[in-house]
Amino acid sequence: MKLTIGNKNYSSWSLRSWLLLKEAGIEFEEHRILLNTASSAADLAALSPASRVPALLLDDQLIWDTQAIAETVAERWPEKKLWPSDPVVRAHARSVCAEMHSGFLALRELMPMNCRAMGRKVALPDDLTADIDRIFEIWTDCQQRYSSKGGWLFGEFSIADAMFAPVVLRFRTYGINLPESASAYPARLLESEAMQRWLAESESETEVIENDEKG
């Protein structure tokens, strides 16, 4: 099994798939395509029909798009329990994952992921503030309902944590103050050995994507 990702410092979607596999303890070969280089477009086009990372090659089947990768992995390794077992809680987890997958456009545009950077500041227009407040609402709700079971969004680690991991790093980079009601989850995520490894490896990268160096 091979997972192709982009730059660890910048590629939020790559982090989601990588973290999911690492936290689940599933072995895989890692391959990296550097983004925003002269060869990036050709390399990505050769990788998948979507010309994007991440992409997972599993038993000669290529799966692209982070959510499709997550669903495929959850089906293939049901013993890893990557969705909550309770159907009501599972529906909740799927809902917030879908919201993360399709929404928060201002957050993506105005606060690009940049693991190496700290203390960056950006303006907070209404649409970005609304995205941030909605994320706080999700984390607070999950913390109140499930955190006593393990500290992750839905108690034990799940696909939802992989989906929201880049947001934790964005808030860290841009110094977003967390309300107490939503502060436990980011701390739990950053304690993860896999997350610490991703951060260490992102810091060792030397490539710079200027468009993602805002603030």
N, C-alpha and C. Protein backbone atom coordinates (compact mmCIF):
# COMPACT_ATOMS: atom_id res chain seq x y z
N MET A 1 0.85 -1.19 0.00
CA MET A 1 0.00 0.00 0.00
C MET A 1 0.89 1.24 0.00
N LYS A 2 0.58 2.19 -0.87
CA LYS A 2 1.39 3.40 -0.98
C LYS A 2 0.51 4.63 -0.90
N LEU A 3 0.88 5.57 -0.04
CA LEU A 3 0.19 6.84 0.08
C LEU A 3 1.08 7.93 -0.48
N THR A 4 0.57 8.65 -1.47
CA THR A 4 1.30 9.77 -2.04
C THR A 4 0.75 11.06 -1.45
N ILE A 5 1.64 11.88 -0.92
CA ILE A 5 1.27 13.13 -0.27
C ILE A 5 2.06 14.28 -0.88
N GLY A 6 1.71 15.50 -0.46
CA GLY A 6 2.46 16.68 -0.86
C GLY A 6 3.40 17.12 0.25
N ASN A 7 3.81 18.37 0.21
CA ASN A 7 4.70 18.91 1.24
C ASN A 7 4.03 18.82 2.61
N LYS A 8 4.75 18.30 3.57
CA LYS A 8 4.15 18.16 4.90
C LYS A 8 3.89 19.52 5.55
N ASN A 9 4.69 20.50 5.21
CA ASN A 9 4.48 21.81 5.82
C ASN A 9 3.18 22.46 5.38
N TYR A 10 2.73 22.17 4.16
CA TYR A 10 1.62 22.92 3.58
C TYR A 10 0.37 22.09 3.25
N SER A 11 0.50 20.81 3.01
CA SER A 11 -0.59 20.04 2.43
C SER A 11 -1.53 19.50 3.51
N SER A 12 -2.60 20.23 3.74
CA SER A 12 -3.55 19.86 4.79
C SER A 12 -4.29 18.56 4.47
N TRP A 13 -4.65 18.37 3.20
CA TRP A 13 -5.36 17.14 2.84
C TRP A 13 -4.45 15.94 2.97
N SER A 14 -3.17 16.10 2.66
CA SER A 14 -2.22 15.00 2.86
C SER A 14 -2.12 14.61 4.32
N LEU A 15 -2.08 15.60 5.19
CA LEU A 15 -2.02 15.32 6.63
C LEU A 15 -3.18 14.44 7.07
N ARG A 16 -4.36 14.73 6.57
CA ARG A 16 -5.54 13.98 7.00
C ARG A 16 -5.39 12.48 6.73
N SER A 17 -5.00 12.12 5.52
CA SER A 17 -4.86 10.70 5.19
C SER A 17 -3.67 10.07 5.91
N TRP A 18 -2.58 10.78 5.97
CA TRP A 18 -1.38 10.28 6.64
C TRP A 18 -1.64 10.02 8.11
N LEU A 19 -2.27 10.98 8.79
CA LEU A 19 -2.55 10.84 10.22
C LEU A 19 -3.51 9.68 10.47
N LEU A 20 -4.51 9.54 9.62
CA LEU A 20 -5.46 8.45 9.78
C LEU A 20 -4.74 7.10 9.79
N LEU A 21 -3.87 6.88 8.82
CA LEU A 21 -3.16 5.61 8.74
C LEU A 21 -2.19 5.42 9.90
N LYS A 22 -1.49 6.49 10.28
CA LYS A 22 -0.52 6.38 11.38
C LYS A 22 -1.22 6.09 12.70
N GLU A 23 -2.29 6.82 13.01
CA GLU A 23 -2.98 6.61 14.27
C GLU A 23 -3.65 5.24 14.32
N ALA A 24 -4.07 4.74 13.17
CA ALA A 24 -4.69 3.42 13.11
C ALA A 24 -3.66 2.30 13.17
N GLY A 25 -2.39 2.65 13.03
CA GLY A 25 -1.35 1.63 13.06
C GLY A 25 -1.31 0.77 11.81
N ILE A 26 -1.64 1.35 10.67
CA ILE A 26 -1.66 0.63 9.40
C ILE A 26 -0.38 0.96 8.63
N GLU A 27 0.37 -0.07 8.27
CA GLU A 27 1.63 0.14 7.58
C GLU A 27 1.40 0.57 6.14
N PHE A 28 2.23 1.50 5.67
CA PHE A 28 2.13 1.95 4.29
C PHE A 28 3.46 2.54 3.85
N GLU A 29 3.66 2.55 2.54
CA GLU A 29 4.81 3.22 1.94
C GLU A 29 4.43 4.66 1.66
N GLU A 30 5.29 5.57 2.02
CA GLU A 30 5.02 6.99 1.82
C GLU A 30 5.80 7.54 0.63
N HIS A 31 5.11 8.24 -0.23
CA HIS A 31 5.74 8.88 -1.39
C HIS A 31 5.32 10.35 -1.40
N ARG A 32 6.25 11.23 -1.72
CA ARG A 32 5.95 12.66 -1.68
C ARG A 32 6.15 13.29 -3.04
N ILE A 33 5.18 14.11 -3.44
CA ILE A 33 5.31 14.95 -4.63
C ILE A 33 5.41 16.40 -4.16
N LEU A 34 6.46 17.07 -4.53
CA LEU A 34 6.62 18.46 -4.15
C LEU A 34 5.62 19.32 -4.92
N LEU A 35 4.96 20.21 -4.20
CA LEU A 35 3.95 21.07 -4.81
C LEU A 35 4.57 22.39 -5.26
N ASN A 36 3.94 23.00 -6.25
CA ASN A 36 4.32 24.33 -6.73
C ASN A 36 5.75 24.36 -7.29
N THR A 37 6.11 23.29 -8.00
CA THR A 37 7.39 23.26 -8.70
C THR A 37 7.13 23.13 -10.20
N ALA A 38 8.17 23.21 -10.97
CA ALA A 38 8.02 23.13 -12.43
C ALA A 38 7.45 21.78 -12.87
N SER A 39 7.72 20.74 -12.11
CA SER A 39 7.25 19.41 -12.49
C SER A 39 5.98 18.98 -11.77
N SER A 40 5.46 19.81 -10.87
CA SER A 40 4.32 19.40 -10.04
C SER A 40 3.10 19.01 -10.87
N ALA A 41 2.73 19.82 -11.86
CA ALA A 41 1.53 19.55 -12.65
C ALA A 41 1.63 18.21 -13.35
N ALA A 42 2.76 17.93 -13.94
CA ALA A 42 2.94 16.65 -14.64
C ALA A 42 2.95 15.49 -13.67
N ASP A 43 3.61 15.67 -12.54
CA ASP A 43 3.67 14.60 -11.54
C ASP A 43 2.29 14.28 -10.98
N LEU A 44 1.50 15.33 -10.72
CA LEU A 44 0.16 15.12 -10.18
C LEU A 44 -0.77 14.51 -11.22
N ALA A 45 -0.64 14.94 -12.47
CA ALA A 45 -1.47 14.38 -13.54
C ALA A 45 -1.18 12.89 -13.73
N ALA A 46 0.06 12.51 -13.56
CA ALA A 46 0.43 11.10 -13.68
C ALA A 46 -0.04 10.28 -12.48
N LEU A 47 -0.28 10.98 -11.37
CA LEU A 47 -0.68 10.29 -10.14
C LEU A 47 -2.13 9.85 -10.16
N SER A 48 -3.04 10.78 -10.47
CA SER A 48 -4.47 10.46 -10.37
C SER A 48 -5.28 11.31 -11.34
N PRO A 49 -6.50 10.92 -11.64
CA PRO A 49 -7.35 11.71 -12.53
C PRO A 49 -7.64 13.10 -11.99
N ALA A 50 -7.62 13.25 -10.67
CA ALA A 50 -7.90 14.55 -10.07
C ALA A 50 -6.69 15.47 -10.05
N SER A 51 -5.51 14.91 -10.32
CA SER A 51 -4.25 15.69 -10.30
C SER A 51 -4.04 16.37 -8.95
N ARG A 52 -4.33 15.64 -7.89
CA ARG A 52 -4.16 16.19 -6.54
C ARG A 52 -3.66 15.11 -5.60
N VAL A 53 -3.06 15.56 -4.51
CA VAL A 53 -2.73 14.67 -3.41
C VAL A 53 -3.75 14.91 -2.29
N PRO A 54 -3.95 13.89 -1.46
CA PRO A 54 -3.29 12.59 -1.43
C PRO A 54 -3.95 11.60 -2.38
N ALA A 55 -3.24 10.50 -2.60
CA ALA A 55 -3.79 9.38 -3.36
C ALA A 55 -3.24 8.10 -2.73
N LEU A 56 -4.11 7.12 -2.58
CA LEU A 56 -3.74 5.85 -1.95
C LEU A 56 -3.82 4.73 -2.97
N LEU A 57 -2.72 4.00 -3.12
CA LEU A 57 -2.71 2.83 -3.99
C LEU A 57 -2.84 1.61 -3.09
N LEU A 58 -3.94 0.89 -3.23
CA LEU A 58 -4.25 -0.25 -2.37
C LEU A 58 -4.66 -1.43 -3.26
N ASP A 59 -3.83 -2.47 -3.26
CA ASP A 59 -4.11 -3.66 -4.07
C ASP A 59 -4.38 -3.29 -5.54
N ASP A 60 -3.52 -2.45 -6.08
CA ASP A 60 -3.62 -2.01 -7.48
C ASP A 60 -4.83 -1.13 -7.77
N GLN A 61 -5.55 -0.74 -6.73
CA GLN A 61 -6.68 0.19 -6.89
C GLN A 61 -6.26 1.55 -6.37
N LEU A 62 -6.42 2.58 -7.20
CA LEU A 62 -6.08 3.93 -6.78
C LEU A 62 -7.31 4.60 -6.18
N ILE A 63 -7.16 5.15 -5.00
CA ILE A 63 -8.23 5.91 -4.34
C ILE A 63 -7.73 7.32 -4.14
N TRP A 64 -8.45 8.29 -4.66
CA TRP A 64 -8.07 9.69 -4.47
C TRP A 64 -9.20 10.40 -3.75
N ASP A 65 -8.90 11.54 -3.20
CA ASP A 65 -9.76 12.34 -2.33
C ASP A 65 -9.70 11.79 -0.90
N THR A 66 -9.45 12.68 0.02
CA THR A 66 -9.23 12.30 1.41
C THR A 66 -10.40 11.55 2.02
N GLN A 67 -11.62 12.00 1.75
CA GLN A 67 -12.76 11.33 2.35
C GLN A 67 -12.93 9.93 1.77
N ALA A 68 -12.69 9.76 0.48
CA ALA A 68 -12.78 8.43 -0.12
C ALA A 68 -11.71 7.51 0.46
N ILE A 69 -10.52 8.03 0.68
CA ILE A 69 -9.46 7.24 1.30
C ILE A 69 -9.90 6.80 2.70
N ALA A 70 -10.44 7.74 3.47
CA ALA A 70 -10.86 7.42 4.84
C ALA A 70 -11.94 6.34 4.86
N GLU A 71 -12.93 6.46 4.00
CA GLU A 71 -14.00 5.47 3.96
C GLU A 71 -13.47 4.11 3.53
N THR A 72 -12.57 4.09 2.57
CA THR A 72 -12.00 2.83 2.09
C THR A 72 -11.19 2.15 3.19
N VAL A 73 -10.38 2.92 3.89
CA VAL A 73 -9.58 2.37 4.98
C VAL A 73 -10.48 1.84 6.10
N ALA A 74 -11.53 2.59 6.44
CA ALA A 74 -12.45 2.14 7.49
C ALA A 74 -13.13 0.83 7.11
N GLU A 75 -13.49 0.67 5.85
CA GLU A 75 -14.11 -0.58 5.39
C GLU A 75 -13.11 -1.73 5.38
N ARG A 76 -11.90 -1.46 4.95
CA ARG A 76 -10.89 -2.51 4.81
C ARG A 76 -10.39 -3.01 6.16
N TRP A 77 -10.32 -2.10 7.14
CA TRP A 77 -9.84 -2.47 8.47
C TRP A 77 -10.90 -2.15 9.52
N PRO A 78 -12.03 -2.86 9.53
CA PRO A 78 -13.11 -2.54 10.48
C PRO A 78 -12.69 -2.68 11.93
N GLU A 79 -11.69 -3.52 12.19
CA GLU A 79 -11.23 -3.71 13.56
C GLU A 79 -10.56 -2.45 14.13
N LYS A 80 -10.17 -1.53 13.27
CA LYS A 80 -9.56 -0.28 13.75
C LYS A 80 -10.60 0.70 14.29
N LYS A 81 -11.86 0.46 14.01
CA LYS A 81 -12.98 1.26 14.54
C LYS A 81 -12.77 2.76 14.27
N LEU A 82 -12.58 3.08 13.01
CA LEU A 82 -12.32 4.46 12.63
C LEU A 82 -13.57 5.32 12.56
N TRP A 83 -14.73 4.71 12.64
CA TRP A 83 -15.98 5.41 12.90
C TRP A 83 -16.50 4.95 14.26
N PRO A 84 -17.18 5.81 15.02
CA PRO A 84 -17.77 5.37 16.29
C PRO A 84 -18.73 4.19 16.06
N SER A 85 -18.77 3.27 17.01
CA SER A 85 -19.62 2.08 16.87
C SER A 85 -21.10 2.39 17.04
N ASP A 86 -21.43 3.35 17.88
CA ASP A 86 -22.83 3.72 18.09
C ASP A 86 -23.35 4.42 16.84
N PRO A 87 -24.47 3.98 16.27
CA PRO A 87 -24.95 4.57 15.00
C PRO A 87 -25.31 6.04 15.11
N VAL A 88 -25.81 6.47 16.27
CA VAL A 88 -26.16 7.88 16.44
C VAL A 88 -24.89 8.73 16.48
N VAL A 89 -23.91 8.28 17.24
CA VAL A 89 -22.64 9.00 17.32
C VAL A 89 -21.93 8.96 15.97
N ARG A 90 -22.02 7.82 15.30
CA ARG A 90 -21.39 7.70 13.98
C ARG A 90 -21.99 8.68 12.98
N ALA A 91 -23.30 8.84 13.02
CA ALA A 91 -23.96 9.81 12.13
C ALA A 91 -23.49 11.22 12.44
N HIS A 92 -23.30 11.53 13.72
CA HIS A 92 -22.79 12.84 14.12
C HIS A 92 -21.38 13.04 13.56
N ALA A 93 -20.53 12.02 13.72
CA ALA A 93 -19.15 12.12 13.23
C ALA A 93 -19.11 12.30 11.72
N ARG A 94 -19.95 11.56 11.02
CA ARG A 94 -19.99 11.69 9.56
C ARG A 94 -20.45 13.09 9.15
N SER A 95 -21.37 13.65 9.90
CA SER A 95 -21.89 14.98 9.57
C SER A 95 -20.80 16.04 9.69
N VAL A 96 -20.04 16.01 10.79
CA VAL A 96 -19.01 17.04 10.95
C VAL A 96 -17.86 16.82 9.96
N CYS A 97 -17.59 15.57 9.60
CA CYS A 97 -16.57 15.31 8.58
C CYS A 97 -16.99 15.86 7.23
N ALA A 98 -18.24 15.64 6.87
CA ALA A 98 -18.74 16.15 5.60
C ALA A 98 -18.71 17.68 5.58
N GLU A 99 -19.06 18.28 6.71
CA GLU A 99 -19.02 19.75 6.80
C GLU A 99 -17.59 20.26 6.63
N MET A 100 -16.63 19.57 7.24
CA MET A 100 -15.24 19.96 7.10
C MET A 100 -14.76 19.77 5.67
N HIS A 101 -15.18 18.70 5.05
CA HIS A 101 -14.73 18.37 3.70
C HIS A 101 -15.20 19.40 2.68
N SER A 102 -16.42 19.90 2.85
CA SER A 102 -17.00 20.77 1.82
C SER A 102 -17.05 22.24 2.19
N GLY A 103 -16.83 22.57 3.44
CA GLY A 103 -17.04 23.94 3.89
C GLY A 103 -15.79 24.66 4.33
N PHE A 104 -15.99 25.73 5.10
CA PHE A 104 -14.91 26.53 5.69
C PHE A 104 -13.98 27.10 4.62
N LEU A 105 -14.57 27.66 3.60
CA LEU A 105 -13.80 28.15 2.46
C LEU A 105 -12.95 29.37 2.83
N ALA A 106 -13.48 30.24 3.68
CA ALA A 106 -12.70 31.42 4.08
C ALA A 106 -11.47 30.99 4.88
N LEU A 107 -11.64 30.01 5.75
CA LEU A 107 -10.52 29.49 6.54
C LEU A 107 -9.43 28.95 5.62
N ARG A 108 -9.81 28.18 4.62
CA ARG A 108 -8.83 27.59 3.71
C ARG A 108 -8.08 28.68 2.93
N GLU A 109 -8.81 29.70 2.50
CA GLU A 109 -8.21 30.73 1.67
C GLU A 109 -7.34 31.69 2.47
N LEU A 110 -7.81 32.10 3.62
CA LEU A 110 -7.14 33.18 4.36
C LEU A 110 -6.15 32.69 5.42
N MET A 111 -6.26 31.40 5.79
CA MET A 111 -5.34 30.84 6.78
C MET A 111 -4.76 29.53 6.26
N PRO A 112 -3.92 29.58 5.22
CA PRO A 112 -3.33 28.34 4.69
C PRO A 112 -2.49 27.64 5.75
N MET A 113 -2.49 26.31 5.70
CA MET A 113 -1.71 25.56 6.68
C MET A 113 -0.22 25.82 6.45
N ASN A 114 0.48 26.07 7.53
CA ASN A 114 1.91 26.31 7.48
C ASN A 114 2.48 25.86 8.83
N CYS A 115 2.91 24.61 8.87
CA CYS A 115 3.32 24.01 10.15
C CYS A 115 4.52 24.69 10.76
N ARG A 116 5.44 25.17 9.93
CA ARG A 116 6.68 25.76 10.45
C ARG A 116 6.47 27.14 11.06
N ALA A 117 5.44 27.83 10.63
CA ALA A 117 5.25 29.22 11.03
C ALA A 117 4.53 29.30 12.37
N MET A 118 4.90 30.29 13.15
CA MET A 118 4.24 30.57 14.43
C MET A 118 4.09 32.08 14.56
N GLY A 119 3.03 32.49 15.22
CA GLY A 119 2.84 33.91 15.48
C GLY A 119 2.39 34.71 14.29
N ARG A 120 1.89 34.05 13.23
CA ARG A 120 1.37 34.78 12.09
C ARG A 120 0.05 35.46 12.45
N LYS A 121 -0.23 36.57 11.82
CA LYS A 121 -1.47 37.29 12.06
C LYS A 121 -2.16 37.57 10.73
N VAL A 122 -3.45 37.39 10.70
CA VAL A 122 -4.24 37.71 9.51
C VAL A 122 -5.47 38.51 9.95
N ALA A 123 -6.00 39.29 9.02
CA ALA A 123 -7.26 39.98 9.29
C ALA A 123 -8.37 38.95 9.47
N LEU A 124 -9.39 39.33 10.23
CA LEU A 124 -10.49 38.41 10.52
C LEU A 124 -11.81 38.98 9.98
N PRO A 125 -12.01 38.93 8.67
CA PRO A 125 -13.29 39.39 8.12
C PRO A 125 -14.43 38.50 8.61
N ASP A 126 -15.64 38.94 8.35
CA ASP A 126 -16.81 38.25 8.91
C ASP A 126 -16.88 36.79 8.49
N ASP A 127 -16.56 36.49 7.23
CA ASP A 127 -16.69 35.10 6.80
C ASP A 127 -15.67 34.19 7.47
N LEU A 128 -14.47 34.70 7.71
CA LEU A 128 -13.47 33.91 8.42
C LEU A 128 -13.86 33.75 9.89
N THR A 129 -14.33 34.81 10.51
CA THR A 129 -14.77 34.73 11.90
C THR A 129 -15.91 33.72 12.05
N ALA A 130 -16.81 33.68 11.08
CA ALA A 130 -17.91 32.73 11.13
C ALA A 130 -17.39 31.29 11.05
N ASP A 131 -16.40 31.06 10.20
CA ASP A 131 -15.80 29.72 10.11
C ASP A 131 -15.16 29.32 11.44
N ILE A 132 -14.40 30.23 12.02
CA ILE A 132 -13.73 29.94 13.29
C ILE A 132 -14.76 29.65 14.38
N ASP A 133 -15.78 30.47 14.46
CA ASP A 133 -16.81 30.27 15.49
C ASP A 133 -17.53 28.94 15.31
N ARG A 134 -17.77 28.55 14.06
CA ARG A 134 -18.44 27.28 13.82
C ARG A 134 -17.56 26.10 14.25
N ILE A 135 -16.26 26.20 14.01
CA ILE A 135 -15.35 25.15 14.46
C ILE A 135 -15.33 25.08 15.98
N PHE A 136 -15.30 26.23 16.64
CA PHE A 136 -15.38 26.23 18.10
C PHE A 136 -16.66 25.54 18.57
N GLU A 137 -17.75 25.80 17.88
CA GLU A 137 -19.03 25.20 18.24
C GLU A 137 -18.96 23.67 18.12
N ILE A 138 -18.36 23.17 17.04
CA ILE A 138 -18.24 21.73 16.85
C ILE A 138 -17.37 21.13 17.94
N TRP A 139 -16.22 21.72 18.19
CA TRP A 139 -15.32 21.17 19.20
C TRP A 139 -15.94 21.21 20.60
N THR A 140 -16.61 22.30 20.91
CA THR A 140 -17.24 22.41 22.23
C THR A 140 -18.31 21.35 22.41
N ASP A 141 -19.14 21.17 21.40
CA ASP A 141 -20.20 20.17 21.47
C ASP A 141 -19.61 18.77 21.66
N CYS A 142 -18.59 18.43 20.88
CA CYS A 142 -17.97 17.12 21.00
C CYS A 142 -17.28 16.95 22.35
N GLN A 143 -16.61 18.00 22.81
CA GLN A 143 -15.93 17.94 24.09
C GLN A 143 -16.92 17.67 25.22
N GLN A 144 -18.05 18.34 25.18
CA GLN A 144 -19.06 18.16 26.23
C GLN A 144 -19.68 16.77 26.19
N ARG A 145 -19.84 16.22 24.99
CA ARG A 145 -20.53 14.94 24.86
C ARG A 145 -19.62 13.72 25.04
N TYR A 146 -18.38 13.80 24.51
CA TYR A 146 -17.61 12.58 24.35
C TYR A 146 -16.20 12.59 24.96
N SER A 147 -15.68 13.74 25.36
CA SER A 147 -14.26 13.82 25.69
C SER A 147 -13.86 12.91 26.85
N SER A 148 -14.77 12.60 27.74
CA SER A 148 -14.43 11.76 28.90
C SER A 148 -14.05 10.34 28.48
N LYS A 149 -14.33 9.98 27.24
CA LYS A 149 -14.07 8.62 26.77
C LYS A 149 -12.70 8.46 26.13
N GLY A 150 -11.91 9.52 26.06
CA GLY A 150 -10.59 9.37 25.47
C GLY A 150 -9.95 10.66 25.01
N GLY A 151 -10.69 11.74 24.99
CA GLY A 151 -10.12 13.04 24.66
C GLY A 151 -10.16 13.44 23.21
N TRP A 152 -10.44 12.47 22.31
CA TRP A 152 -10.59 12.83 20.91
C TRP A 152 -11.99 13.37 20.68
N LEU A 153 -12.28 13.82 19.46
CA LEU A 153 -13.57 14.46 19.22
C LEU A 153 -14.74 13.57 19.60
N PHE A 154 -14.64 12.29 19.29
CA PHE A 154 -15.72 11.36 19.61
C PHE A 154 -15.26 10.29 20.60
N GLY A 155 -14.40 10.69 21.50
CA GLY A 155 -13.89 9.80 22.54
C GLY A 155 -12.61 9.13 22.09
N GLU A 156 -12.73 8.05 21.31
CA GLU A 156 -11.57 7.39 20.73
C GLU A 156 -11.24 8.03 19.38
N PHE A 157 -10.01 7.83 18.93
CA PHE A 157 -9.59 8.40 17.65
C PHE A 157 -10.51 7.92 16.53
N SER A 158 -10.86 8.83 15.63
CA SER A 158 -11.74 8.50 14.51
C SER A 158 -11.35 9.32 13.29
N ILE A 159 -12.04 9.06 12.20
CA ILE A 159 -11.83 9.83 10.97
C ILE A 159 -12.03 11.32 11.22
N ALA A 160 -12.93 11.67 12.12
CA ALA A 160 -13.19 13.09 12.42
C ALA A 160 -11.93 13.79 12.90
N ASP A 161 -11.11 13.12 13.66
CA ASP A 161 -9.87 13.74 14.16
C ASP A 161 -8.89 13.99 13.02
N ALA A 162 -8.82 13.06 12.09
CA ALA A 162 -7.97 13.28 10.92
C ALA A 162 -8.46 14.47 10.11
N MET A 163 -9.77 14.61 9.99
CA MET A 163 -10.32 15.71 9.19
C MET A 163 -10.07 17.07 9.83
N PHE A 164 -10.08 17.15 11.15
CA PHE A 164 -9.92 18.45 11.81
C PHE A 164 -8.49 18.75 12.24
N ALA A 165 -7.57 17.81 12.07
CA ALA A 165 -6.19 18.03 12.49
C ALA A 165 -5.56 19.27 11.86
N PRO A 166 -5.72 19.51 10.54
CA PRO A 166 -5.09 20.71 9.96
C PRO A 166 -5.65 22.01 10.54
N VAL A 167 -6.89 21.99 11.01
CA VAL A 167 -7.46 23.20 11.61
C VAL A 167 -6.74 23.53 12.90
N VAL A 168 -6.43 22.50 13.69
CA VAL A 168 -5.67 22.72 14.92
C VAL A 168 -4.34 23.39 14.59
N LEU A 169 -3.69 22.93 13.55
CA LEU A 169 -2.39 23.52 13.17
C LEU A 169 -2.55 24.93 12.63
N ARG A 170 -3.63 25.18 11.92
CA ARG A 170 -3.88 26.55 11.44
C ARG A 170 -4.06 27.49 12.63
N PHE A 171 -4.86 27.11 13.61
CA PHE A 171 -5.08 27.96 14.77
C PHE A 171 -3.78 28.20 15.52
N ARG A 172 -2.93 27.18 15.55
CA ARG A 172 -1.62 27.29 16.19
C ARG A 172 -0.74 28.29 15.46
N THR A 173 -0.73 28.22 14.14
CA THR A 173 0.10 29.11 13.32
C THR A 173 -0.33 30.56 13.45
N TYR A 174 -1.66 30.79 13.43
CA TYR A 174 -2.17 32.16 13.38
C TYR A 174 -2.59 32.69 14.74
N GLY A 175 -2.25 31.99 15.80
CA GLY A 175 -2.46 32.49 17.16
C GLY A 175 -3.92 32.74 17.49
N ILE A 176 -4.81 31.85 17.05
CA ILE A 176 -6.23 32.01 17.35
C ILE A 176 -6.49 31.58 18.79
N ASN A 177 -7.05 32.47 19.56
CA ASN A 177 -7.34 32.17 20.96
C ASN A 177 -8.51 31.21 21.07
N LEU A 178 -8.32 30.14 21.82
CA LEU A 178 -9.35 29.12 21.96
C LEU A 178 -10.18 29.36 23.21
N PRO A 179 -11.50 29.30 23.12
CA PRO A 179 -12.30 29.36 24.33
C PRO A 179 -12.06 28.09 25.15
N GLU A 180 -12.20 28.17 26.45
CA GLU A 180 -11.93 27.02 27.30
C GLU A 180 -12.77 25.82 26.89
N SER A 181 -13.98 26.08 26.44
CA SER A 181 -14.89 25.00 26.08
C SER A 181 -14.41 24.19 24.88
N ALA A 182 -13.47 24.75 24.10
CA ALA A 182 -12.98 24.07 22.90
C ALA A 182 -11.47 23.85 22.94
N SER A 183 -10.85 23.97 24.10
CA SER A 183 -9.39 23.94 24.17
C SER A 183 -8.80 22.56 24.41
N ALA A 184 -9.57 21.64 24.98
CA ALA A 184 -9.01 20.33 25.33
C ALA A 184 -8.67 19.51 24.09
N TYR A 185 -9.51 19.60 23.09
CA TYR A 185 -9.27 18.77 21.91
C TYR A 185 -7.97 19.11 21.17
N PRO A 186 -7.69 20.39 20.87
CA PRO A 186 -6.41 20.69 20.21
C PRO A 186 -5.21 20.21 21.02
N ALA A 187 -5.28 20.35 22.34
CA ALA A 187 -4.18 19.87 23.18
C ALA A 187 -4.01 18.37 23.04
N ARG A 188 -5.12 17.64 23.02
CA ARG A 188 -5.06 16.18 22.87
C ARG A 188 -4.45 15.81 21.52
N LEU A 189 -4.84 16.48 20.48
CA LEU A 189 -4.32 16.17 19.16
C LEU A 189 -2.82 16.40 19.09
N LEU A 190 -2.36 17.51 19.63
CA LEU A 190 -0.94 17.85 19.56
C LEU A 190 -0.07 16.94 20.41
N GLU A 191 -0.68 16.21 21.35
CA GLU A 191 0.06 15.22 22.14
C GLU A 191 0.34 13.94 21.36
N SER A 192 -0.37 13.75 20.27
CA SER A 192 -0.24 12.53 19.49
C SER A 192 1.19 12.36 18.97
N GLU A 193 1.72 11.16 19.11
CA GLU A 193 3.06 10.87 18.61
C GLU A 193 3.13 11.05 17.09
N ALA A 194 2.04 10.66 16.41
CA ALA A 194 2.01 10.83 14.95
C ALA A 194 2.03 12.30 14.57
N MET A 195 1.27 13.12 15.29
CA MET A 195 1.26 14.56 14.99
C MET A 195 2.62 15.18 15.25
N GLN A 196 3.28 14.77 16.32
CA GLN A 196 4.61 15.30 16.61
C GLN A 196 5.61 14.90 15.53
N ARG A 197 5.45 13.70 15.00
CA ARG A 197 6.32 13.27 13.92
C ARG A 197 6.08 14.10 12.66
N TRP A 198 4.79 14.33 12.32
CA TRP A 198 4.48 15.15 11.14
C TRP A 198 5.09 16.55 11.30
N LEU A 199 4.94 17.14 12.47
CA LEU A 199 5.47 18.49 12.69
C LEU A 199 6.99 18.51 12.57
N ALA A 200 7.66 17.51 13.13
CA ALA A 200 9.11 17.45 13.05
C ALA A 200 9.57 17.31 11.60
N GLU A 201 8.87 16.48 10.84
CA GLU A 201 9.27 16.28 9.45
C GLU A 201 8.92 17.48 8.59
N SER A 202 7.85 18.19 8.93
CA SER A 202 7.54 19.41 8.17
C SER A 202 8.60 20.47 8.41
N GLU A 203 9.14 20.53 9.61
CA GLU A 203 10.16 21.53 9.93
C GLU A 203 11.47 21.23 9.22
N SER A 204 11.69 19.98 8.86
CA SER A 204 12.93 19.62 8.17
C SER A 204 12.86 19.89 6.67
N GLU A 205 11.65 20.16 6.15
CA GLU A 205 11.54 20.48 4.73
C GLU A 205 12.13 21.86 4.46
N THR A 206 12.68 22.02 3.28
CA THR A 206 13.29 23.30 2.93
C THR A 206 12.52 24.06 1.86
N GLU A 207 11.53 23.40 1.23
CA GLU A 207 10.78 24.06 0.16
C GLU A 207 9.88 25.14 0.73
N VAL A 208 9.71 26.21 -0.05
CA VAL A 208 8.84 27.33 0.37
C VAL A 208 7.83 27.60 -0.74
N ILE A 209 6.55 27.63 -0.35
CA ILE A 209 5.46 28.02 -1.26
C ILE A 209 5.00 29.41 -0.83
N GLU A 210 5.35 30.41 -1.61
CA GLU A 210 5.15 31.79 -1.21
C GLU A 210 3.67 32.12 -0.93
N ASN A 211 2.77 31.57 -1.69
CA ASN A 211 1.34 31.87 -1.51
C ASN A 211 0.81 31.39 -0.16
N ASP A 212 1.51 30.45 0.44
CA ASP A 212 1.09 29.93 1.74
C ASP A 212 1.90 30.52 2.89
N GLU A 213 2.61 31.59 2.61
CA GLU A 213 3.42 32.26 3.64
C GLU A 213 2.76 33.58 4.04
N LYS A 214 1.46 33.56 4.28
CA LYS A 214 0.74 34.78 4.63
C LYS A 214 0.96 35.14 6.09
N GLY A 215 0.79 36.42 6.37
CA GLY A 215 0.82 36.87 7.75
C GLY A 215 2.19 37.37 8.18
